[in-house]
Amino acid sequence: MALEAKNIRANVYVGMRYWFPFTEEAIEQIKRDRITKLVVLPLYPQFSISTTGSSIRVLQRIFKEDAYLSRLPVSVILSWYQRQGYINSMADLIEKELGKFAKPEEVMIFFSAHGVPVSYVEEAGDPYKDQMEECIYLIMQELKARGIGNDHTLAYQVCFRTEFLLSLRKTEIVILNLLFTLSSQSRVGPVQWLKPYTDEVLVEIGQKGVKSLLAVPISFVSEHIETLEEIDMEYKHLALESGIKNWGRVPALGCNSLFITDLADAVVEALPSAKALSASTENDEEAEYDPLRYLVKMFFGSILAFLLLLTPRVVLAFRNSLF
């Protein structure tokens, strides 16, 4: 372990919002171990109220309700997209994948990020968009320092199936958000998502004559549905249909040694600032426990779950019939 290499003796806990092991399970183990200090390291490079923020709200609620946890010194690393170890690791992967093309200098670097509603940014003050753009700027500056000056662009993915599946678990994502997600996928309705959209930009790039493209997932550090299905299958197919001839994709960082070492450094740096976690607000608690909203969400969820297992063509037809 990277922490052991730094002579740091620490227990490591893994907690997830939407799959095993759940955050609540990790917290129960923390209580059993009676640790004296905790560093929370979200595996999202950039902060968003829908990712890191959502996880922190869960911790605030649980910690507030427990005498031991409410006094436990905690340090939360809100984001780490600007850390040099992360930037260098991403640049290394991009440089390696560019080398696989016959003409690396002609490849368009295509950063694809997880989308969030525009209202999160403009009304709630979510720093996600600014952090994403700064992150890409830093990566491109590192590549430029290595003599790599390829053109690049950024677009946002809007994942209908991912948003729906996340809503099935008891979270702050309620049925209204689900319906907004449906409408945004069809490009109409009350909610706008961050633009430009990945699928639209791919078509535009192909029409402009770009022949070689390297896709770079930039929001997550592990492989999942947005990389393995959306990018590797759906977006690749769309790109090739749009005139792009040579396609490549940068893998997720995973357990890249430089990246992991840098995360360990971030944990060590965060230790001195640990203090009791702030209590959640009343609004957060209402969002977690409102029984009516939860029942409505699950009712519609049970109806729509089967539809999400159908072919993409049937799902598209269903969305079009609604909107």
Foldseek 3Di string as FASTA:
>chain_A
DLLVVVVHDDDDFDADPQDPPHPVVRVVVCVVVLDQAEEAEFQWQFAFCVGLVQVLLVLQAVQVVDPSSQFRFYFYDRHHLPPPLNLVLLLVLLVVQLVVDPDSLLAEEEEEEAKDWPCSCPPVVTCRVVSLVVSVVSSCVVNVVVVRNHHYDYFYEQDLVVLLSSLQDQGLCFVVNNVVSLQVVVVDDDIHMDDDHLLVVLLVCLVVPRAHYEYEHRGGQADDCCVPPVVVPVSVVSNVVSHHHHYHYRHHNPPPPSNVSSVSVVRVVRRVVTGRRHHRDPVSVCSRDVVVRSVVRNVVSVVCVVVVPDDPVSVVVVSVVVD
